């Protein structure tokens, strides 16, 4: 996600990102969400504790898939909810292991597809508090 400025951010990708964000009830366009969107798009220096590791772990994903992932992540910032902060931390620390599990189970899968599947599964399960915990998600993923 961090290197998004190296490709053409097409109108269709901009429209999709905008539509995905405004359709998420957690997206309110606060300063923290806007700042994180800019970091995720590569328009601002990425945070070392979140966007840098996310960018490194998803470096082979297609730009459209990165925009989709960005739309899952950005609304989770700026809520003031401590449980949401834990969910973001769980996502960033679980991303590389999730991708590694996908690659180990699907040995013929390309790196970009493994990154997509791992990041999407993780985002769906841990980014919203109350779904899977840091302990539950890896156990579930290993059962696939």
N, C-alpha and C. Protein backbone atom coordinates (compact mmCIF):
# COMPACT_ATOMS: atom_id res chain seq x y z
N UNK A 1 0.82 -1.19 0.00
CA UNK A 1 0.00 0.00 0.00
C UNK A 1 0.86 1.25 0.00
N UNK A 2 2.01 1.17 0.64
CA UNK A 2 2.85 2.35 0.80
C UNK A 2 3.33 2.89 -0.54
N UNK A 3 3.51 2.06 -1.52
CA UNK A 3 4.07 2.48 -2.81
C UNK A 3 2.99 2.81 -3.83
N UNK A 4 1.82 3.19 -3.39
CA UNK A 4 0.71 3.45 -4.30
C UNK A 4 1.01 4.62 -5.24
N UNK A 5 1.91 5.52 -4.86
CA UNK A 5 2.19 6.68 -5.70
C UNK A 5 3.00 6.30 -6.94
N UNK A 6 3.45 5.06 -7.05
CA UNK A 6 4.26 4.63 -8.18
C UNK A 6 3.42 4.13 -9.34
N UNK A 7 2.12 4.16 -9.24
CA UNK A 7 1.28 3.76 -10.34
C UNK A 7 0.21 4.83 -10.54
N UNK A 8 -0.47 4.75 -11.63
CA UNK A 8 -1.54 5.71 -11.91
C UNK A 8 -2.76 5.34 -11.06
N UNK A 9 -3.14 6.23 -10.19
CA UNK A 9 -4.31 6.04 -9.34
C UNK A 9 -5.51 6.45 -10.18
N UNK A 10 -6.01 5.48 -10.94
CA UNK A 10 -7.03 5.76 -11.95
C UNK A 10 -8.32 6.28 -11.34
N UNK A 11 -9.11 6.90 -12.19
CA UNK A 11 -10.40 7.42 -11.73
C UNK A 11 -11.28 6.30 -11.18
N UNK A 12 -11.26 5.15 -11.83
CA UNK A 12 -12.10 4.04 -11.36
C UNK A 12 -11.66 3.57 -9.97
N UNK A 13 -10.34 3.55 -9.71
CA UNK A 13 -9.87 3.17 -8.37
C UNK A 13 -10.25 4.24 -7.34
N UNK A 14 -10.15 5.51 -7.73
CA UNK A 14 -10.55 6.59 -6.83
C UNK A 14 -12.03 6.47 -6.50
N UNK A 15 -12.84 6.21 -7.51
CA UNK A 15 -14.28 6.10 -7.31
C UNK A 15 -14.61 4.91 -6.42
N UNK A 16 -13.93 3.80 -6.64
CA UNK A 16 -14.19 2.62 -5.82
C UNK A 16 -13.80 2.87 -4.37
N UNK A 17 -12.65 3.49 -4.16
CA UNK A 17 -12.22 3.80 -2.80
C UNK A 17 -13.23 4.72 -2.13
N UNK A 18 -13.65 5.76 -2.83
CA UNK A 18 -14.63 6.70 -2.26
C UNK A 18 -15.94 6.00 -1.93
N UNK A 19 -16.43 5.17 -2.84
CA UNK A 19 -17.69 4.46 -2.61
C UNK A 19 -17.57 3.49 -1.43
N UNK A 20 -16.46 2.77 -1.36
CA UNK A 20 -16.26 1.83 -0.25
C UNK A 20 -16.17 2.56 1.08
N UNK A 21 -15.48 3.68 1.09
CA UNK A 21 -15.33 4.42 2.34
C UNK A 21 -16.65 5.00 2.82
N UNK A 22 -17.38 5.67 1.93
CA UNK A 22 -18.62 6.30 2.38
C UNK A 22 -19.71 5.29 2.72
N UNK A 23 -19.59 4.07 2.23
CA UNK A 23 -20.58 3.05 2.56
C UNK A 23 -20.26 2.33 3.88
N UNK A 24 -19.10 2.61 4.45
CA UNK A 24 -18.72 2.02 5.73
C UNK A 24 -19.18 2.95 6.85
N UNK A 25 -20.05 2.48 7.74
CA UNK A 25 -20.57 3.36 8.79
C UNK A 25 -19.49 3.88 9.76
N UNK A 26 -18.34 3.22 9.81
CA UNK A 26 -17.26 3.66 10.69
C UNK A 26 -16.42 4.77 10.07
N UNK A 27 -16.59 5.01 8.78
CA UNK A 27 -15.83 6.08 8.13
C UNK A 27 -16.56 7.40 8.32
N UNK A 28 -15.89 8.31 9.02
CA UNK A 28 -16.47 9.63 9.28
C UNK A 28 -15.61 10.75 8.71
N UNK A 29 -14.49 10.39 8.10
CA UNK A 29 -13.62 11.40 7.48
C UNK A 29 -12.89 12.25 8.49
N UNK A 30 -12.61 11.70 9.67
CA UNK A 30 -11.88 12.49 10.67
C UNK A 30 -10.41 12.62 10.28
N UNK A 31 -9.71 13.48 10.99
CA UNK A 31 -8.30 13.76 10.65
C UNK A 31 -7.43 12.51 10.66
N UNK A 32 -7.67 11.62 11.63
CA UNK A 32 -6.86 10.41 11.72
C UNK A 32 -7.12 9.48 10.53
N UNK A 33 -8.36 9.38 10.10
CA UNK A 33 -8.68 8.55 8.95
C UNK A 33 -8.07 9.14 7.67
N UNK A 34 -8.15 10.44 7.50
CA UNK A 34 -7.58 11.08 6.32
C UNK A 34 -6.07 10.91 6.30
N UNK A 35 -5.42 11.12 7.44
CA UNK A 35 -3.96 10.97 7.53
C UNK A 35 -3.55 9.54 7.20
N UNK A 36 -4.31 8.56 7.70
CA UNK A 36 -3.98 7.16 7.43
C UNK A 36 -4.26 6.78 5.99
N UNK A 37 -5.28 7.37 5.40
CA UNK A 37 -5.53 7.11 3.98
C UNK A 37 -4.36 7.63 3.15
N UNK A 38 -3.86 8.81 3.48
CA UNK A 38 -2.72 9.37 2.75
C UNK A 38 -1.48 8.51 2.94
N UNK A 39 -1.26 8.01 4.15
CA UNK A 39 -0.11 7.12 4.36
C UNK A 39 -0.27 5.83 3.56
N UNK A 40 -1.47 5.27 3.56
CA UNK A 40 -1.73 4.04 2.82
C UNK A 40 -1.56 4.20 1.33
N UNK A 41 -1.87 5.39 0.83
CA UNK A 41 -1.73 5.68 -0.60
C UNK A 41 -0.31 6.09 -0.99
N UNK A 42 0.55 6.29 -0.01
CA UNK A 42 1.92 6.71 -0.30
C UNK A 42 2.06 8.20 -0.50
N UNK A 43 1.07 8.97 -0.10
CA UNK A 43 1.11 10.42 -0.25
C UNK A 43 1.75 11.10 0.96
N UNK A 44 1.97 10.34 2.00
CA UNK A 44 2.59 10.82 3.22
C UNK A 44 3.50 9.71 3.73
N UNK A 45 4.55 10.08 4.45
CA UNK A 45 5.47 9.06 4.97
C UNK A 45 4.69 8.06 5.84
N UNK A 46 4.87 6.76 5.56
CA UNK A 46 4.11 5.75 6.31
C UNK A 46 4.57 5.64 7.76
N UNK A 47 3.63 5.35 8.64
CA UNK A 47 3.98 5.12 10.04
C UNK A 47 4.79 3.83 10.13
N UNK A 48 5.81 3.87 10.96
CA UNK A 48 6.69 2.70 11.08
C UNK A 48 6.01 1.52 11.76
N UNK A 49 5.01 1.81 12.59
CA UNK A 49 4.37 0.72 13.34
C UNK A 49 3.14 0.13 12.66
N UNK A 50 2.66 0.77 11.57
CA UNK A 50 1.50 0.19 10.88
C UNK A 50 1.70 0.14 9.37
N UNK A 51 1.74 1.29 8.72
CA UNK A 51 1.74 1.30 7.26
C UNK A 51 3.01 0.75 6.64
N UNK A 52 4.14 0.94 7.29
CA UNK A 52 5.38 0.38 6.73
C UNK A 52 5.31 -1.16 6.69
N UNK A 53 4.96 -1.82 7.81
CA UNK A 53 4.86 -3.29 7.73
C UNK A 53 3.74 -3.78 6.81
N UNK A 54 2.62 -3.06 6.76
CA UNK A 54 1.54 -3.46 5.86
C UNK A 54 2.02 -3.36 4.41
N UNK A 55 2.70 -2.27 4.08
CA UNK A 55 3.22 -2.09 2.73
C UNK A 55 4.23 -3.16 2.35
N UNK A 56 5.09 -3.51 3.28
CA UNK A 56 6.08 -4.55 3.01
C UNK A 56 5.41 -5.91 2.80
N UNK A 57 4.41 -6.20 3.58
CA UNK A 57 3.74 -7.51 3.50
C UNK A 57 2.85 -7.64 2.27
N UNK A 58 2.41 -6.53 1.71
CA UNK A 58 1.48 -6.57 0.57
C UNK A 58 2.11 -6.04 -0.72
N UNK A 59 3.40 -6.01 -0.77
CA UNK A 59 4.11 -5.40 -1.89
C UNK A 59 3.84 -5.98 -3.26
N UNK A 60 3.42 -7.23 -3.33
CA UNK A 60 3.17 -7.86 -4.64
C UNK A 60 1.72 -7.82 -5.07
N UNK A 61 0.85 -7.29 -4.24
CA UNK A 61 -0.57 -7.24 -4.59
C UNK A 61 -0.82 -6.27 -5.73
N UNK A 62 -1.86 -6.54 -6.51
CA UNK A 62 -2.28 -5.63 -7.58
C UNK A 62 -2.78 -4.33 -6.97
N UNK A 63 -2.59 -3.21 -7.67
CA UNK A 63 -3.06 -1.92 -7.14
C UNK A 63 -4.54 -1.90 -6.76
N UNK A 64 -5.39 -2.53 -7.57
CA UNK A 64 -6.82 -2.56 -7.26
C UNK A 64 -7.09 -3.28 -5.94
N UNK A 65 -6.34 -4.35 -5.69
CA UNK A 65 -6.50 -5.10 -4.45
C UNK A 65 -5.99 -4.29 -3.26
N UNK A 66 -4.95 -3.52 -3.46
CA UNK A 66 -4.44 -2.66 -2.39
C UNK A 66 -5.46 -1.58 -2.03
N UNK A 67 -6.13 -1.03 -3.03
CA UNK A 67 -7.16 -0.02 -2.77
C UNK A 67 -8.31 -0.65 -1.99
N UNK A 68 -8.69 -1.86 -2.34
CA UNK A 68 -9.74 -2.56 -1.61
C UNK A 68 -9.35 -2.77 -0.15
N UNK A 69 -8.11 -3.21 0.07
CA UNK A 69 -7.63 -3.41 1.44
C UNK A 69 -7.62 -2.09 2.21
N UNK A 70 -7.19 -1.04 1.55
CA UNK A 70 -7.18 0.29 2.17
C UNK A 70 -8.58 0.67 2.65
N UNK A 71 -9.59 0.35 1.86
CA UNK A 71 -10.97 0.67 2.24
C UNK A 71 -11.43 -0.12 3.45
N UNK A 72 -10.84 -1.29 3.69
CA UNK A 72 -11.16 -2.06 4.90
C UNK A 72 -10.49 -1.46 6.13
N UNK A 73 -9.29 -0.92 5.94
CA UNK A 73 -8.47 -0.49 7.06
C UNK A 73 -8.78 0.93 7.53
N UNK A 74 -8.84 1.89 6.62
CA UNK A 74 -8.96 3.30 6.98
C UNK A 74 -10.11 3.61 7.94
N UNK A 75 -11.30 3.06 7.75
CA UNK A 75 -12.41 3.39 8.67
C UNK A 75 -12.18 2.93 10.11
N UNK A 76 -11.22 2.05 10.32
CA UNK A 76 -10.97 1.55 11.66
C UNK A 76 -10.15 2.52 12.51
N UNK A 77 -9.55 3.53 11.88
CA UNK A 77 -8.74 4.51 12.62
C UNK A 77 -9.62 5.62 13.19
N UNK A 78 -9.16 6.21 14.28
CA UNK A 78 -9.79 7.41 14.83
C UNK A 78 -11.08 7.19 15.58
N UNK A 79 -11.37 5.97 16.00
CA UNK A 79 -12.63 5.70 16.69
C UNK A 79 -12.58 6.08 18.17
N UNK A 80 -11.38 6.09 18.74
CA UNK A 80 -11.26 6.32 20.17
C UNK A 80 -11.61 5.09 21.00
N UNK A 81 -11.91 3.98 20.33
CA UNK A 81 -12.28 2.74 20.99
C UNK A 81 -11.02 1.90 21.23
N UNK A 82 -10.68 1.62 22.51
CA UNK A 82 -9.48 0.81 22.78
C UNK A 82 -9.52 -0.57 22.12
N UNK A 83 -10.71 -1.16 22.00
CA UNK A 83 -10.81 -2.47 21.34
C UNK A 83 -10.46 -2.37 19.87
N UNK A 84 -10.79 -1.24 19.24
CA UNK A 84 -10.45 -1.04 17.83
C UNK A 84 -8.94 -0.91 17.67
N UNK A 85 -8.30 -0.24 18.62
CA UNK A 85 -6.84 -0.12 18.58
C UNK A 85 -6.18 -1.50 18.68
N UNK A 86 -6.72 -2.36 19.53
CA UNK A 86 -6.21 -3.73 19.65
C UNK A 86 -6.42 -4.47 18.33
N UNK A 87 -7.57 -4.27 17.69
CA UNK A 87 -7.85 -4.93 16.42
C UNK A 87 -6.86 -4.49 15.34
N UNK A 88 -6.53 -3.21 15.29
CA UNK A 88 -5.54 -2.73 14.31
C UNK A 88 -4.17 -3.33 14.60
N UNK A 89 -3.80 -3.41 15.86
CA UNK A 89 -2.51 -4.02 16.24
C UNK A 89 -2.50 -5.50 15.87
N UNK A 90 -3.62 -6.18 16.09
CA UNK A 90 -3.72 -7.59 15.74
C UNK A 90 -3.56 -7.76 14.23
N UNK A 91 -4.16 -6.87 13.47
CA UNK A 91 -4.03 -6.95 12.01
C UNK A 91 -2.58 -6.80 11.58
N UNK A 92 -1.91 -5.77 12.03
CA UNK A 92 -0.56 -5.51 11.56
C UNK A 92 0.41 -6.60 12.01
N UNK A 93 0.24 -7.13 13.21
CA UNK A 93 1.14 -8.18 13.68
C UNK A 93 0.80 -9.55 13.10
N UNK A 94 -0.45 -9.72 12.68
CA UNK A 94 -0.86 -11.01 12.13
C UNK A 94 -0.75 -11.13 10.63
N UNK A 95 -0.41 -10.03 9.95
CA UNK A 95 -0.44 -10.04 8.49
C UNK A 95 0.60 -10.98 7.88
N UNK A 96 1.85 -10.84 8.23
CA UNK A 96 2.88 -11.72 7.65
C UNK A 96 2.63 -13.18 7.99
N UNK A 97 2.29 -13.51 9.27
CA UNK A 97 1.99 -14.92 9.56
C UNK A 97 0.78 -15.45 8.77
N UNK A 98 -0.25 -14.63 8.59
CA UNK A 98 -1.42 -15.08 7.83
C UNK A 98 -1.04 -15.39 6.39
N UNK A 99 -0.25 -14.52 5.79
CA UNK A 99 0.19 -14.74 4.42
C UNK A 99 1.06 -15.99 4.33
N UNK A 100 1.91 -16.20 5.33
CA UNK A 100 2.77 -17.38 5.35
C UNK A 100 1.94 -18.66 5.43
N UNK A 101 0.89 -18.67 6.21
CA UNK A 101 0.02 -19.86 6.31
C UNK A 101 -0.65 -20.12 4.97
N UNK A 102 -1.16 -19.07 4.34
CA UNK A 102 -1.80 -19.24 3.03
C UNK A 102 -0.80 -19.83 2.03
N UNK A 103 0.42 -19.29 2.02
CA UNK A 103 1.44 -19.80 1.09
C UNK A 103 1.79 -21.25 1.39
N UNK A 104 1.82 -21.63 2.68
CA UNK A 104 2.17 -23.02 3.02
C UNK A 104 1.07 -23.99 2.64
N UNK A 105 -0.18 -23.54 2.65
CA UNK A 105 -1.30 -24.41 2.32
C UNK A 105 -1.62 -24.42 0.83
N UNK A 106 -1.24 -23.37 0.14
CA UNK A 106 -1.52 -23.25 -1.29
C UNK A 106 -0.20 -23.01 -2.01
N UNK A 107 0.59 -24.05 -2.09
CA UNK A 107 1.97 -23.90 -2.57
C UNK A 107 2.09 -23.42 -4.00
N UNK A 108 1.08 -23.62 -4.82
CA UNK A 108 1.14 -23.17 -6.20
C UNK A 108 0.62 -21.76 -6.41
N UNK A 109 0.20 -21.12 -5.35
CA UNK A 109 -0.38 -19.78 -5.45
C UNK A 109 0.71 -18.73 -5.62
N UNK A 110 0.45 -17.74 -6.44
CA UNK A 110 1.42 -16.66 -6.63
C UNK A 110 1.53 -15.83 -5.35
N UNK A 111 2.65 -15.11 -5.22
CA UNK A 111 2.84 -14.26 -4.05
C UNK A 111 1.73 -13.22 -3.94
N UNK A 112 1.35 -12.62 -5.07
CA UNK A 112 0.32 -11.58 -5.03
C UNK A 112 -1.02 -12.15 -4.57
N UNK A 113 -1.36 -13.34 -5.03
CA UNK A 113 -2.62 -13.95 -4.61
C UNK A 113 -2.58 -14.39 -3.15
N UNK A 114 -1.44 -14.91 -2.70
CA UNK A 114 -1.31 -15.29 -1.29
C UNK A 114 -1.43 -14.07 -0.39
N UNK A 115 -0.84 -12.95 -0.82
CA UNK A 115 -0.96 -11.72 -0.04
C UNK A 115 -2.40 -11.23 -0.01
N UNK A 116 -3.08 -11.34 -1.14
CA UNK A 116 -4.48 -10.93 -1.22
C UNK A 116 -5.34 -11.79 -0.30
N UNK A 117 -5.24 -13.09 -0.42
CA UNK A 117 -6.06 -14.00 0.38
C UNK A 117 -5.75 -13.83 1.88
N UNK A 118 -4.48 -13.81 2.23
CA UNK A 118 -4.11 -13.66 3.64
C UNK A 118 -4.59 -12.35 4.24
N UNK A 119 -4.40 -11.25 3.50
CA UNK A 119 -4.80 -9.94 4.02
C UNK A 119 -6.32 -9.81 4.10
N UNK A 120 -7.04 -10.34 3.11
CA UNK A 120 -8.50 -10.26 3.13
C UNK A 120 -9.11 -11.11 4.24
N UNK A 121 -8.59 -12.32 4.43
CA UNK A 121 -9.09 -13.17 5.52
C UNK A 121 -8.84 -12.49 6.86
N UNK A 122 -7.65 -11.98 7.04
CA UNK A 122 -7.30 -11.33 8.29
C UNK A 122 -8.15 -10.08 8.52
N UNK A 123 -8.30 -9.27 7.49
CA UNK A 123 -9.11 -8.04 7.61
C UNK A 123 -10.55 -8.38 7.99
N UNK A 124 -11.11 -9.38 7.34
CA UNK A 124 -12.51 -9.75 7.60
C UNK A 124 -12.71 -10.26 9.02
N UNK A 125 -11.71 -10.90 9.57
CA UNK A 125 -11.86 -11.52 10.88
C UNK A 125 -11.41 -10.67 12.06
N UNK A 126 -10.41 -9.82 11.89
CA UNK A 126 -9.87 -9.14 13.07
C UNK A 126 -10.04 -7.63 13.11
N UNK A 127 -10.34 -6.99 11.98
CA UNK A 127 -10.40 -5.53 12.00
C UNK A 127 -11.61 -4.97 12.74
N UNK A 128 -12.67 -5.71 12.83
CA UNK A 128 -13.83 -5.24 13.59
C UNK A 128 -13.84 -5.97 14.94
N UNK A 129 -13.77 -5.21 16.02
CA UNK A 129 -13.76 -5.85 17.35
C UNK A 129 -14.99 -6.75 17.54
N UNK A 130 -14.74 -7.86 18.22
CA UNK A 130 -15.84 -8.79 18.51
C UNK A 130 -15.88 -9.98 17.58
N UNK A 131 -15.10 -9.95 16.53
CA UNK A 131 -15.05 -11.12 15.64
C UNK A 131 -13.98 -12.05 16.19
N UNK A 132 -12.92 -12.32 15.46
CA UNK A 132 -11.87 -13.21 15.93
C UNK A 132 -10.83 -12.44 16.75
N UNK A 133 -10.28 -13.10 17.73
CA UNK A 133 -9.23 -12.51 18.55
C UNK A 133 -7.85 -12.89 17.99
N UNK A 134 -6.84 -12.32 18.59
CA UNK A 134 -5.46 -12.62 18.21
C UNK A 134 -5.18 -14.12 18.33
N UNK A 135 -5.81 -14.77 19.28
CA UNK A 135 -5.60 -16.21 19.50
C UNK A 135 -6.49 -17.06 18.60
N UNK A 136 -7.72 -16.62 18.36
CA UNK A 136 -8.68 -17.42 17.59
C UNK A 136 -8.36 -17.47 16.11
N UNK A 137 -7.94 -16.35 15.53
CA UNK A 137 -7.72 -16.31 14.09
C UNK A 137 -6.67 -17.31 13.61
N UNK A 138 -5.48 -17.35 14.23
CA UNK A 138 -4.49 -18.32 13.74
C UNK A 138 -4.96 -19.77 13.85
N UNK A 139 -5.68 -20.09 14.92
CA UNK A 139 -6.19 -21.46 15.06
C UNK A 139 -7.17 -21.78 13.94
N UNK A 140 -8.05 -20.82 13.62
CA UNK A 140 -9.02 -21.01 12.54
C UNK A 140 -8.31 -21.15 11.19
N UNK A 141 -7.34 -20.26 10.96
CA UNK A 141 -6.64 -20.26 9.67
C UNK A 141 -5.87 -21.56 9.47
N UNK A 142 -5.29 -22.08 10.51
CA UNK A 142 -4.53 -23.33 10.40
C UNK A 142 -5.43 -24.53 10.12
N UNK A 143 -6.71 -24.41 10.42
CA UNK A 143 -7.66 -25.49 10.16
C UNK A 143 -8.14 -25.53 8.72
N UNK A 144 -7.89 -24.48 7.96
CA UNK A 144 -8.33 -24.46 6.56
C UNK A 144 -7.65 -25.53 5.75
